[in-house]
Amino acid sequence: MSGICQVTGRRAVSGNKVSRANNKTKRLFKPNIRSQRFWLASENRWVRLRVSTAAMRTIDKNGIDAVVAGMRREGKRV
């Protein structure tokens, strides 16, 4: 589960690499996953999450407290 975003659930999807001669071979499109620490002011502690860069933008927009609350509603451990 190292290539899965803990917030959005994004994971690798398969597709085709298409050459100039229009030959198609299978490949994976992997998400941009980063291990990032976030400060939870409400709990006075750091939380380390493996998140995609899109999830980082979501955290910037909504706040880490709202994102963690949503993760806990879904039953994910933080």
PDB file of N, CA and C in Angstrom:
ATOM      1  N   MET A   1       0.810  -1.195   0.000  1.00  0.00           N
ATOM      2  CA  MET A   1       0.000   0.000   0.000  1.00  0.00           C
ATOM      3  C   MET A   1       0.857   1.264   0.000  1.00  0.00           C
ATOM      4  N   SER A   2       2.115   1.155  -0.384  1.00  0.00           N
ATOM      5  CA  SER A   2       2.971   2.324  -0.323  1.00  0.00           C
ATOM      6  C   SER A   2       2.664   3.311  -1.441  1.00  0.00           C
ATOM      7  N   GLY A   3       2.076   2.875  -2.531  1.00  0.00           N
ATOM      8  CA  GLY A   3       1.789   3.771  -3.643  1.00  0.00           C
ATOM      9  C   GLY A   3       0.376   4.292  -3.652  1.00  0.00           C
ATOM     10  N   ILE A   4      -0.285   4.328  -2.488  1.00  0.00           N
ATOM     11  CA  ILE A   4      -1.672   4.766  -2.401  1.00  0.00           C
ATOM     12  C   ILE A   4      -1.744   5.982  -1.486  1.00  0.00           C
ATOM     13  N   CYS A   5      -2.447   7.001  -1.923  1.00  0.00           N
ATOM     14  CA  CYS A   5      -2.632   8.208  -1.121  1.00  0.00           C
ATOM     15  C   CYS A   5      -3.592   7.910   0.023  1.00  0.00           C
ATOM     16  N   GLN A   6      -3.222   8.286   1.249  1.00  0.00           N
ATOM     17  CA  GLN A   6      -4.055   8.015   2.410  1.00  0.00           C
ATOM     18  C   GLN A   6      -5.284   8.912   2.463  1.00  0.00           C
ATOM     19  N   VAL A   7      -5.247  10.061   1.822  1.00  0.00           N
ATOM     20  CA  VAL A   7      -6.364  11.004   1.884  1.00  0.00           C
ATOM     21  C   VAL A   7      -7.351  10.750   0.749  1.00  0.00           C
ATOM     22  N   THR A   8      -6.865  10.732  -0.488  1.00  0.00           N
ATOM     23  CA  THR A   8      -7.753  10.620  -1.643  1.00  0.00           C
ATOM     24  C   THR A   8      -7.928   9.191  -2.141  1.00  0.00           C
ATOM     25  N   GLY A   9      -7.011   8.295  -1.779  1.00  0.00           N
ATOM     26  CA  GLY A   9      -7.097   6.922  -2.252  1.00  0.00           C
ATOM     27  C   GLY A   9      -6.564   6.727  -3.658  1.00  0.00           C
ATOM     28  N   ARG A  10      -5.884   7.723  -4.191  1.00  0.00           N
ATOM     29  CA  ARG A  10      -5.334   7.578  -5.536  1.00  0.00           C
ATOM     30  C   ARG A  10      -4.289   6.478  -5.559  1.00  0.00           C
ATOM     31  N   ARG A  11      -4.291   5.690  -6.648  1.00  0.00           N
ATOM     32  CA  ARG A  11      -3.339   4.609  -6.834  1.00  0.00           C
ATOM     33  C   ARG A  11      -2.955   4.547  -8.300  1.00  0.00           C
ATOM     34  N   ALA A  12      -2.023   3.697  -8.630  1.00  0.00           N
ATOM     35  CA  ALA A  12      -1.562   3.578 -10.008  1.00  0.00           C
ATOM     36  C   ALA A  12      -2.679   3.038 -10.889  1.00  0.00           C
ATOM     37  N   VAL A  13      -2.788   3.599 -12.087  1.00  0.00           N
ATOM     38  CA  VAL A  13      -3.745   3.114 -13.074  1.00  0.00           C
ATOM     39  C   VAL A  13      -2.961   2.686 -14.311  1.00  0.00           C
ATOM     40  N   SER A  14      -3.500   1.717 -15.038  1.00  0.00           N
ATOM     41  CA  SER A  14      -2.785   1.222 -16.214  1.00  0.00           C
ATOM     42  C   SER A  14      -3.317   1.899 -17.462  1.00  0.00           C
ATOM     43  N   GLY A  15      -2.444   1.956 -18.452  1.00  0.00           N
ATOM     44  CA  GLY A  15      -2.800   2.536 -19.731  1.00  0.00           C
ATOM     45  C   GLY A  15      -1.807   2.075 -20.773  1.00  0.00           C
ATOM     46  N   ASN A  16      -1.773   2.769 -21.891  1.00  0.00           N
ATOM     47  CA  ASN A  16      -0.880   2.395 -22.979  1.00  0.00           C
ATOM     48  C   ASN A  16       0.164   3.466 -23.222  1.00  0.00           C
ATOM     49  N   LYS A  17       1.398   3.013 -23.465  1.00  0.00           N
ATOM     50  CA  LYS A  17       2.428   3.896 -24.012  1.00  0.00           C
ATOM     51  C   LYS A  17       2.278   3.789 -25.517  1.00  0.00           C
ATOM     52  N   VAL A  18       2.160   4.914 -26.205  1.00  0.00           N
ATOM     53  CA  VAL A  18       1.934   4.907 -27.648  1.00  0.00           C
ATOM     54  C   VAL A  18       3.152   5.513 -28.327  1.00  0.00           C
ATOM     55  N   SER A  19       3.781   4.727 -29.178  1.00  0.00           N
ATOM     56  CA  SER A  19       4.974   5.195 -29.882  1.00  0.00           C
ATOM     57  C   SER A  19       4.577   6.045 -31.084  1.00  0.00           C
ATOM     58  N   ARG A  20       5.591   6.598 -31.725  1.00  0.00           N
ATOM     59  CA  ARG A  20       5.326   7.404 -32.918  1.00  0.00           C
ATOM     60  C   ARG A  20       4.720   6.558 -34.031  1.00  0.00           C
ATOM     61  N   ALA A  21       5.084   5.273 -34.056  1.00  0.00           N
ATOM     62  CA  ALA A  21       4.536   4.357 -35.057  1.00  0.00           C
ATOM     63  C   ALA A  21       3.185   3.785 -34.610  1.00  0.00           C
ATOM     64  N   ASN A  22       2.632   4.320 -33.549  1.00  0.00           N
ATOM     65  CA  ASN A  22       1.325   3.939 -33.004  1.00  0.00           C
ATOM     66  C   ASN A  22       1.316   2.515 -32.451  1.00  0.00           C
ATOM     67  N   ASN A  23       2.505   2.019 -32.011  1.00  0.00           N
ATOM     68  CA  ASN A  23       2.557   0.745 -31.300  1.00  0.00           C
ATOM     69  C   ASN A  23       2.150   1.006 -29.854  1.00  0.00           C
ATOM     70  N   LYS A  24       1.371   0.098 -29.300  1.00  0.00           N
ATOM     71  CA  LYS A  24       0.872   0.284 -27.951  1.00  0.00           C
ATOM     72  C   LYS A  24       1.415  -0.796 -27.018  1.00  0.00           C
ATOM     73  N   THR A  25       2.005  -0.361 -25.903  1.00  0.00           N
ATOM     74  CA  THR A  25       2.475  -1.285 -24.870  1.00  0.00           C
ATOM     75  C   THR A  25       1.939  -0.809 -23.535  1.00  0.00           C
ATOM     76  N   LYS A  26       1.671  -1.767 -22.652  1.00  0.00           N
ATOM     77  CA  LYS A  26       1.098  -1.433 -21.354  1.00  0.00           C
ATOM     78  C   LYS A  26       2.096  -0.695 -20.481  1.00  0.00           C
ATOM     79  N   ARG A  27       1.591   0.223 -19.660  1.00  0.00           N
ATOM     80  CA  ARG A  27       2.412   0.939 -18.699  1.00  0.00           C
ATOM     81  C   ARG A  27       1.546   1.351 -17.524  1.00  0.00           C
ATOM     82  N   LEU A  28       2.185   1.852 -16.458  1.00  0.00           N
ATOM     83  CA  LEU A  28       1.476   2.328 -15.278  1.00  0.00           C
ATOM     84  C   LEU A  28       1.633   3.837 -15.154  1.00  0.00           C
ATOM     85  N   PHE A  29       0.545   4.503 -14.808  1.00  0.00           N
ATOM     86  CA  PHE A  29       0.569   5.919 -14.458  1.00  0.00           C
ATOM     87  C   PHE A  29       0.497   5.981 -12.942  1.00  0.00           C
ATOM     88  N   LYS A  30       1.618   6.335 -12.306  1.00  0.00           N
ATOM     89  CA  LYS A  30       1.693   6.329 -10.851  1.00  0.00           C
ATOM     90  C   LYS A  30       1.402   7.724 -10.296  1.00  0.00           C
ATOM     91  N   PRO A  31       0.715   7.813  -9.150  1.00  0.00           N
ATOM     92  CA  PRO A  31       0.458   9.124  -8.546  1.00  0.00           C
ATOM     93  C   PRO A  31       1.724   9.678  -7.903  1.00  0.00           C
ATOM     94  N   ASN A  32       1.763  10.975  -7.753  1.00  0.00           N
ATOM     95  CA  ASN A  32       2.905  11.657  -7.152  1.00  0.00           C
ATOM     96  C   ASN A  32       2.729  11.623  -5.632  1.00  0.00           C
ATOM     97  N   ILE A  33       3.228  10.562  -4.987  1.00  0.00           N
ATOM     98  CA  ILE A  33       3.043  10.339  -3.554  1.00  0.00           C
ATOM     99  C   ILE A  33       4.233  10.904  -2.787  1.00  0.00           C
ATOM    100  N   ARG A  34       3.948  11.618  -1.714  1.00  0.00           N
ATOM    101  CA  ARG A  34       4.965  12.194  -0.840  1.00  0.00           C
ATOM    102  C   ARG A  34       4.660  11.823   0.600  1.00  0.00           C
ATOM    103  N   SER A  35       5.688  11.591   1.386  1.00  0.00           N
ATOM    104  CA  SER A  35       5.535  11.396   2.822  1.00  0.00           C
ATOM    105  C   SER A  35       5.701  12.766   3.471  1.00  0.00           C
ATOM    106  N   GLN A  36       4.656  13.236   4.133  1.00  0.00           N
ATOM    107  CA  GLN A  36       4.635  14.607   4.637  1.00  0.00           C
ATOM    108  C   GLN A  36       4.133  14.647   6.074  1.00  0.00           C
ATOM    109  N   ARG A  37       4.757  15.498   6.889  1.00  0.00           N
ATOM    110  CA  ARG A  37       4.295  15.703   8.261  1.00  0.00           C
ATOM    111  C   ARG A  37       3.386  16.920   8.304  1.00  0.00           C
ATOM    112  N   PHE A  38       2.290  16.780   9.049  1.00  0.00           N
ATOM    113  CA  PHE A  38       1.355  17.884   9.235  1.00  0.00           C
ATOM    114  C   PHE A  38       1.149  18.106  10.730  1.00  0.00           C
ATOM    115  N   TRP A  39       1.056  19.367  11.140  1.00  0.00           N
ATOM    116  CA  TRP A  39       0.851  19.707  12.538  1.00  0.00           C
ATOM    117  C   TRP A  39      -0.641  19.790  12.817  1.00  0.00           C
ATOM    118  N   LEU A  40      -1.109  18.934  13.737  1.00  0.00           N
ATOM    119  CA  LEU A  40      -2.500  18.978  14.189  1.00  0.00           C
ATOM    120  C   LEU A  40      -2.545  19.841  15.443  1.00  0.00           C
ATOM    121  N   ALA A  41      -2.999  21.069  15.305  1.00  0.00           N
ATOM    122  CA  ALA A  41      -3.021  21.987  16.442  1.00  0.00           C
ATOM    123  C   ALA A  41      -4.053  21.549  17.478  1.00  0.00           C
ATOM    124  N   SER A  42      -5.144  20.932  17.022  1.00  0.00           N
ATOM    125  CA  SER A  42      -6.199  20.514  17.954  1.00  0.00           C
ATOM    126  C   SER A  42      -5.721  19.397  18.882  1.00  0.00           C
ATOM    127  N   GLU A  43      -4.800  18.546  18.396  1.00  0.00           N
ATOM    128  CA  GLU A  43      -4.287  17.441  19.214  1.00  0.00           C
ATOM    129  C   GLU A  43      -2.864  17.692  19.699  1.00  0.00           C
ATOM    130  N   ASN A  44      -2.286  18.832  19.291  1.00  0.00           N
ATOM    131  CA  ASN A  44      -0.946  19.243  19.710  1.00  0.00           C
ATOM    132  C   ASN A  44       0.103  18.177  19.382  1.00  0.00           C
ATOM    133  N   ARG A  45       0.074  17.667  18.131  1.00  0.00           N
ATOM    134  CA  ARG A  45       1.030  16.640  17.710  1.00  0.00           C
ATOM    135  C   ARG A  45       1.199  16.674  16.203  1.00  0.00           C
ATOM    136  N   TRP A  46       2.293  16.049  15.756  1.00  0.00           N
ATOM    137  CA  TRP A  46       2.563  15.894  14.333  1.00  0.00           C
ATOM    138  C   TRP A  46       1.916  14.614  13.830  1.00  0.00           C
ATOM    139  N   VAL A  47       1.454  14.635  12.586  1.00  0.00           N
ATOM    140  CA  VAL A  47       0.891  13.456  11.924  1.00  0.00           C
ATOM    141  C   VAL A  47       1.644  13.266  10.620  1.00  0.00           C
ATOM    142  N   ARG A  48       2.163  12.058  10.381  1.00  0.00           N
ATOM    143  CA  ARG A  48       2.858  11.765   9.132  1.00  0.00           C
ATOM    144  C   ARG A  48       1.895  11.011   8.211  1.00  0.00           C
ATOM    145  N   LEU A  49       1.677  11.564   7.026  1.00  0.00           N
ATOM    146  CA  LEU A  49       0.772  10.964   6.052  1.00  0.00           C
ATOM    147  C   LEU A  49       1.492  10.782   4.727  1.00  0.00           C
ATOM    148  N   ARG A  50       1.114   9.721   3.997  1.00  0.00           N
ATOM    149  CA  ARG A  50       1.592   9.524   2.627  1.00  0.00           C
ATOM    150  C   ARG A  50       0.490  10.041   1.716  1.00  0.00           C
ATOM    151  N   VAL A  51       0.718  11.228   1.151  1.00  0.00           N
ATOM    152  CA  VAL A  51      -0.323  11.899   0.387  1.00  0.00           C
ATOM    153  C   VAL A  51       0.179  12.249  -1.009  1.00  0.00           C
ATOM    154  N   SER A  52      -0.770  12.355  -1.933  1.00  0.00           N
ATOM    155  CA  SER A  52      -0.442  12.825  -3.276  1.00  0.00           C
ATOM    156  C   SER A  52      -0.372  14.347  -3.245  1.00  0.00           C
ATOM    157  N   THR A  53       0.218  14.918  -4.271  1.00  0.00           N
ATOM    158  CA  THR A  53       0.326  16.369  -4.316  1.00  0.00           C
ATOM    159  C   THR A  53      -1.052  17.010  -4.457  1.00  0.00           C
ATOM    160  N   ALA A  54      -1.985  16.316  -5.093  1.00  0.00           N
ATOM    161  CA  ALA A  54      -3.357  16.824  -5.176  1.00  0.00           C
ATOM    162  C   ALA A  54      -3.997  16.856  -3.790  1.00  0.00           C
ATOM    163  N   ALA A  55      -3.684  15.868  -2.953  1.00  0.00           N
ATOM    164  CA  ALA A  55      -4.208  15.854  -1.587  1.00  0.00           C
ATOM    165  C   ALA A  55      -3.589  16.974  -0.759  1.00  0.00           C
ATOM    166  N   MET A  56      -2.335  17.326  -1.040  1.00  0.00           N
ATOM    167  CA  MET A  56      -1.718  18.461  -0.343  1.00  0.00           C
ATOM    168  C   MET A  56      -2.468  19.744  -0.643  1.00  0.00           C
ATOM    169  N   ARG A  57      -2.905  19.911  -1.885  1.00  0.00           N
ATOM    170  CA  ARG A  57      -3.688  21.096  -2.242  1.00  0.00           C
ATOM    171  C   ARG A  57      -5.034  21.072  -1.545  1.00  0.00           C
ATOM    172  N   THR A  58      -5.638  19.890  -1.406  1.00  0.00           N
ATOM    173  CA  THR A  58      -6.898  19.763  -0.684  1.00  0.00           C
ATOM    174  C   THR A  58      -6.714  20.136   0.775  1.00  0.00           C
ATOM    175  N   ILE A  59      -5.597  19.705   1.377  1.00  0.00           N
ATOM    176  CA  ILE A  59      -5.313  20.034   2.768  1.00  0.00           C
ATOM    177  C   ILE A  59      -5.092  21.537   2.920  1.00  0.00           C
ATOM    178  N   ASP A  60      -4.411  22.156   1.962  1.00  0.00           N
ATOM    179  CA  ASP A  60      -4.223  23.606   2.006  1.00  0.00           C
ATOM    180  C   ASP A  60      -5.562  24.343   1.927  1.00  0.00           C
ATOM    181  N   LYS A  61      -6.469  23.810   1.130  1.00  0.00           N
ATOM    182  CA  LYS A  61      -7.759  24.469   0.925  1.00  0.00           C
ATOM    183  C   LYS A  61      -8.689  24.286   2.121  1.00  0.00           C
ATOM    184  N   ASN A  62      -8.841  23.048   2.601  1.00  0.00           N
ATOM    185  CA  ASN A  62      -9.822  22.744   3.639  1.00  0.00           C
ATOM    186  C   ASN A  62      -9.248  22.754   5.049  1.00  0.00           C
ATOM    187  N   GLY A  63      -7.940  22.595   5.180  1.00  0.00           N
ATOM    188  CA  GLY A  63      -7.312  22.519   6.493  1.00  0.00           C
ATOM    189  C   GLY A  63      -7.101  21.076   6.908  1.00  0.00           C
ATOM    190  N   ILE A  64      -6.027  20.843   7.650  1.00  0.00           N
ATOM    191  CA  ILE A  64      -5.677  19.478   8.051  1.00  0.00           C
ATOM    192  C   ILE A  64      -6.692  18.906   9.028  1.00  0.00           C
ATOM    193  N   ASP A  65      -7.278  19.746   9.888  1.00  0.00           N
ATOM    194  CA  ASP A  65      -8.250  19.242  10.862  1.00  0.00           C
ATOM    195  C   ASP A  65      -9.486  18.672  10.170  1.00  0.00           C
ATOM    196  N   ALA A  66      -9.981  19.361   9.133  1.00  0.00           N
ATOM    197  CA  ALA A  66     -11.152  18.879   8.404  1.00  0.00           C
ATOM    198  C   ALA A  66     -10.832  17.602   7.640  1.00  0.00           C
ATOM    199  N   VAL A  67      -9.640  17.522   7.064  1.00  0.00           N
ATOM    200  CA  VAL A  67      -9.255  16.334   6.297  1.00  0.00           C
ATOM    201  C   VAL A  67      -9.114  15.124   7.223  1.00  0.00           C
ATOM    202  N   VAL A  68      -8.472  15.324   8.391  1.00  0.00           N
ATOM    203  CA  VAL A  68      -8.306  14.223   9.351  1.00  0.00           C
ATOM    204  C   VAL A  68      -9.664  13.782   9.896  1.00  0.00           C
ATOM    205  N   ALA A  69     -10.562  14.726  10.134  1.00  0.00           N
ATOM    206  CA  ALA A  69     -11.906  14.364  10.595  1.00  0.00           C
ATOM    207  C   ALA A  69     -12.630  13.527   9.549  1.00  0.00           C
ATOM    208  N   GLY A  70     -12.488  13.870   8.281  1.00  0.00           N
ATOM    209  CA  GLY A  70     -13.088  13.081   7.217  1.00  0.00           C
ATOM    210  C   GLY A  70     -12.485  11.695   7.104  1.00  0.00           C
ATOM    211  N   MET A  71     -11.163  11.590   7.309  1.00  0.00           N
ATOM    212  CA  MET A  71     -10.517  10.287   7.272  1.00  0.00           C
ATOM    213  C   MET A  71     -11.036   9.407   8.401  1.00  0.00           C
ATOM    214  N   ARG A  72     -11.218   9.981   9.577  1.00  0.00           N
ATOM    215  CA  ARG A  72     -11.712   9.208  10.715  1.00  0.00           C
ATOM    216  C   ARG A  72     -13.154   8.782  10.513  1.00  0.00           C
ATOM    217  N   ARG A  73     -13.970   9.620   9.842  1.00  0.00           N
ATOM    218  CA  ARG A  73     -15.355   9.230   9.529  1.00  0.00           C
ATOM    219  C   ARG A  73     -15.376   8.012   8.605  1.00  0.00           C
ATOM    220  N   GLU A  74     -14.384   7.922   7.710  1.00  0.00           N
ATOM    221  CA  GLU A  74     -14.304   6.788   6.787  1.00  0.00           C
ATOM    222  C   GLU A  74     -13.697   5.554   7.435  1.00  0.00           C
ATOM    223  N   GLY A  75     -13.245   5.684   8.682  1.00  0.00           N
ATOM    224  CA  GLY A  75     -12.698   4.546   9.396  1.00  0.00           C
ATOM    225  C   GLY A  75     -11.199   4.371   9.225  1.00  0.00           C
ATOM    226  N   LYS A  76     -10.525   5.356   8.672  1.00  0.00           N
ATOM    227  CA  LYS A  76      -9.078   5.259   8.496  1.00  0.00           C
ATOM    228  C   LYS A  76      -8.391   5.687   9.786  1.00  0.00           C
ATOM    229  N   ARG A  77      -7.291   5.016  10.125  1.00  0.00           N
ATOM    230  CA  ARG A  77      -6.541   5.326  11.335  1.00  0.00           C
ATOM    231  C   ARG A  77      -5.543   6.435  11.045  1.00  0.00           C
ATOM    232  N   VAL A  78      -5.493   7.433  11.925  1.00  0.00           N
ATOM    233  CA  VAL A  78      -4.558   8.556  11.759  1.00  0.00           C
ATOM    234  C   VAL A  78      -3.660   8.610  12.950  1.00  0.00           C
TER     235      VAL A  78
END
